[in-house]
Amino acid sequence: MSLTLSEAFQGTRKRLKIGSQEVEVRIPPGAKQGTKIRLRGKGQMNPQTRQRGDIYLVVNLFPHNVFQLDGDTLVCEVPIAPDEAVLGGNIDVPTPDGSVTMKLPPGIRSGQSLRLRGKGWPSPKGSRGDQLVKVVIAPPKTLSDQERQLYQQIQTQRTTDPRSHLSNVQL
């Protein structure tokens, strides 16, 4: 049974046709890829016991354009500008409950993840996992003349070399 991430997150009801019978299936909130949903008595007839068996539906999740699911952890990538990476600041981040403001620490690196506790995937017991926000530094595609001059000024005044540890590397 294929579900969107939103349907699996919130739980839903789906109508299916099994043979000639139409059945409503309840998907609980927090269903994950591979979750098995049992439909009692909707399977084939056992000729010896004259009772119907069970059918198991396996959940398949469609990919989402922002969120990915990793266990109980919801993951999303958020682009930030180079100045936000260097100086830190507040950014708005999408969550299943809507946008929240998150504080970026100064000097954050591309690929680094920040945790939002309790904003992740729902568990059958009603609690929620965490959401990881993976930061990706996105350099501007175009620069104004003033921005270009400022970047060139930063470049000429830079006192560190991020590749200094690679100077004597050989195989």
Protein backbone atom coordinates (compact mmCIF):
# COMPACT_ATOMS: atom_id res chain seq x y z
CA MET A 1 0.00 0.00 0.00
CA SER A 2 1.59 3.27 -1.12
CA LEU A 3 1.26 6.35 1.09
CA THR A 4 2.55 9.88 1.02
CA LEU A 5 4.80 10.89 3.90
CA SER A 6 2.01 13.17 5.13
CA GLU A 7 -0.54 10.32 5.16
CA ALA A 8 1.86 8.06 7.04
CA PHE A 9 2.76 10.82 9.51
CA GLN A 10 -0.82 11.79 10.35
CA GLY A 11 -2.49 8.43 9.83
CA THR A 12 -5.28 7.98 7.32
CA ARG A 13 -8.04 5.73 6.07
CA LYS A 14 -7.93 4.11 2.63
CA ARG A 15 -10.62 2.22 0.77
CA LEU A 16 -9.45 -0.91 -1.02
CA LYS A 17 -11.17 -3.49 -3.13
CA ILE A 18 -10.28 -7.05 -2.12
CA GLY A 19 -11.92 -9.45 -4.52
CA SER A 20 -15.49 -8.21 -4.79
CA GLN A 21 -15.48 -6.66 -1.33
CA GLU A 22 -14.64 -3.03 -0.56
CA VAL A 23 -12.73 -2.57 2.70
CA GLU A 24 -11.74 0.54 4.65
CA VAL A 25 -8.22 0.25 6.06
CA ARG A 26 -7.09 2.41 9.00
CA ILE A 27 -3.43 3.42 8.82
CA PRO A 28 -2.18 4.50 12.27
CA PRO A 29 -0.08 7.68 12.61
CA GLY A 30 3.64 6.97 12.26
CA ALA A 31 3.47 4.08 9.78
CA LYS A 32 6.92 3.53 8.25
CA GLN A 33 8.33 1.95 5.12
CA GLY A 34 7.74 -1.81 5.43
CA THR A 35 5.11 -1.56 8.20
CA LYS A 36 2.70 -4.49 7.93
CA ILE A 37 -1.01 -3.84 8.39
CA ARG A 38 -3.12 -6.89 9.14
CA LEU A 39 -6.66 -7.27 7.82
CA ARG A 40 -8.23 -10.06 9.87
CA GLY A 41 -10.54 -12.42 8.07
CA LYS A 42 -10.10 -10.76 4.67
CA GLY A 43 -7.84 -13.42 3.14
CA GLN A 44 -8.59 -16.64 1.31
CA MET A 45 -10.99 -19.25 2.61
CA ASN A 46 -9.33 -22.26 4.29
CA PRO A 47 -11.15 -25.30 2.83
CA GLN A 48 -10.62 -27.39 5.98
CA THR A 49 -11.67 -24.87 8.64
CA ARG A 50 -14.03 -22.89 6.40
CA GLN A 51 -12.56 -19.70 7.90
CA ARG A 52 -10.95 -16.83 6.10
CA GLY A 53 -7.28 -16.09 6.65
CA ASP A 54 -5.66 -12.70 7.10
CA ILE A 55 -4.22 -10.33 4.51
CA TYR A 56 -1.12 -8.27 5.27
CA LEU A 57 -0.58 -4.97 3.53
CA VAL A 58 2.99 -3.62 3.42
CA VAL A 59 3.45 0.16 3.57
CA ASN A 60 5.49 1.82 0.82
CA LEU A 61 6.26 5.51 1.33
CA PHE A 62 6.49 7.90 -1.60
CA PRO A 63 9.53 10.20 -1.38
CA HIS A 64 8.91 13.73 -0.12
CA ASN A 65 10.55 16.79 -1.67
CA VAL A 66 11.79 18.17 1.70
CA PHE A 67 11.71 15.46 4.39
CA GLN A 68 13.34 12.02 4.56
CA LEU A 69 12.69 9.42 7.24
CA ASP A 70 15.59 7.71 9.03
CA GLY A 71 14.15 5.41 11.73
CA ASP A 72 12.15 7.68 14.05
CA THR A 73 14.16 10.70 12.93
CA LEU A 74 12.85 13.07 10.32
CA VAL A 75 15.63 14.71 8.28
CA CYS A 76 15.55 17.80 6.10
CA GLU A 77 18.27 19.78 4.33
CA VAL A 78 18.15 23.54 4.74
CA PRO A 79 20.29 25.85 2.58
CA ILE A 80 22.01 28.76 4.30
CA ALA A 81 24.01 31.68 2.94
CA PRO A 82 27.79 31.86 3.52
CA ASP A 83 27.40 34.85 5.86
CA GLU A 84 24.86 32.90 7.97
CA ALA A 85 27.39 30.06 8.24
CA VAL A 86 30.16 32.39 9.41
CA LEU A 87 28.17 34.71 11.67
CA GLY A 88 25.32 32.45 12.79
CA GLY A 89 21.82 33.80 13.26
CA ASN A 90 18.20 32.74 13.24
CA ILE A 91 16.63 30.86 10.34
CA ASP A 92 13.13 29.51 9.71
CA VAL A 93 13.03 25.72 9.34
CA PRO A 94 10.14 23.56 8.08
CA THR A 95 8.73 20.95 10.46
CA PRO A 96 5.64 18.74 10.16
CA ASP A 97 3.87 21.18 12.51
CA GLY A 98 4.83 24.29 10.54
CA SER A 99 7.84 26.56 10.44
CA VAL A 100 9.97 27.14 13.56
CA THR A 101 12.86 29.54 14.15
CA MET A 102 16.19 27.86 14.84
CA LYS A 103 19.41 29.47 16.06
CA LEU A 104 22.48 28.78 13.92
CA PRO A 105 25.75 28.83 15.85
CA PRO A 106 28.56 30.92 14.32
CA GLY A 107 30.99 28.85 12.25
CA ILE A 108 28.57 26.06 11.36
CA ARG A 109 29.85 23.84 8.54
CA SER A 110 28.06 22.50 5.50
CA GLY A 111 26.71 19.02 6.24
CA GLN A 112 26.47 19.63 9.98
CA SER A 113 23.12 18.68 11.55
CA LEU A 114 21.14 20.41 14.27
CA ARG A 115 18.49 18.59 16.33
CA LEU A 116 14.90 19.65 16.97
CA ARG A 117 13.73 17.43 19.85
CA GLY A 118 10.21 16.05 19.61
CA LYS A 119 9.62 17.28 16.05
CA GLY A 120 10.28 13.95 14.33
CA TRP A 121 8.24 10.88 13.44
CA PRO A 122 5.37 9.78 15.70
CA SER A 123 5.70 6.45 17.52
CA PRO A 124 2.81 4.05 18.20
CA LYS A 125 2.93 5.12 21.88
CA GLY A 126 2.22 8.73 20.94
CA SER A 127 5.66 10.26 21.51
CA ARG A 128 7.69 11.77 18.69
CA GLY A 129 11.24 11.26 17.54
CA ASP A 130 13.57 14.12 16.67
CA GLN A 131 14.01 16.13 13.50
CA LEU A 132 17.52 16.68 12.17
CA VAL A 133 18.18 19.81 10.16
CA LYS A 134 21.16 19.26 7.86
CA VAL A 135 22.73 22.59 6.96
CA VAL A 136 24.01 23.07 3.41
CA ILE A 137 25.93 26.23 2.57
CA ALA A 138 24.55 27.60 -0.68
CA PRO A 139 26.81 30.19 -2.34
CA PRO A 140 24.91 32.82 -4.30
CA LYS A 141 24.45 32.10 -8.01
CA THR A 142 24.83 35.78 -8.88
CA LEU A 143 26.50 38.64 -7.05
CA SER A 144 25.99 42.37 -7.23
CA ASP A 145 29.14 44.43 -7.83
CA GLN A 146 29.14 45.46 -4.17
CA GLU A 147 28.81 41.85 -2.97
CA ARG A 148 31.65 40.78 -5.25
CA GLN A 149 33.88 43.55 -3.88
CA LEU A 150 33.07 42.57 -0.29
CA TYR A 151 33.89 38.90 -0.98
CA GLN A 152 37.16 39.93 -2.65
CA GLN A 153 37.99 42.08 0.36
CA ILE A 154 37.32 39.14 2.70
CA GLN A 155 39.48 36.92 0.47
CA THR A 156 42.46 39.27 0.58
CA GLN A 157 42.21 39.68 4.36
CA ARG A 158 41.70 36.01 5.21
CA THR A 159 44.21 34.79 7.80
CA THR A 160 43.46 31.06 7.70
CA ASP A 161 43.86 28.36 5.06
CA PRO A 162 41.13 25.69 5.24
CA ARG A 163 43.38 23.32 3.21
CA SER A 164 46.58 23.72 5.23
CA HIS A 165 46.30 20.14 6.54
CA LEU A 166 46.53 18.88 2.94
CA SER A 167 49.89 20.46 2.04
CA ASN A 168 52.06 17.35 2.62
CA VAL A 169 49.58 14.60 1.75
CA GLN A 170 50.85 11.86 -0.57
CA LEU A 171 50.01 8.26 -1.31
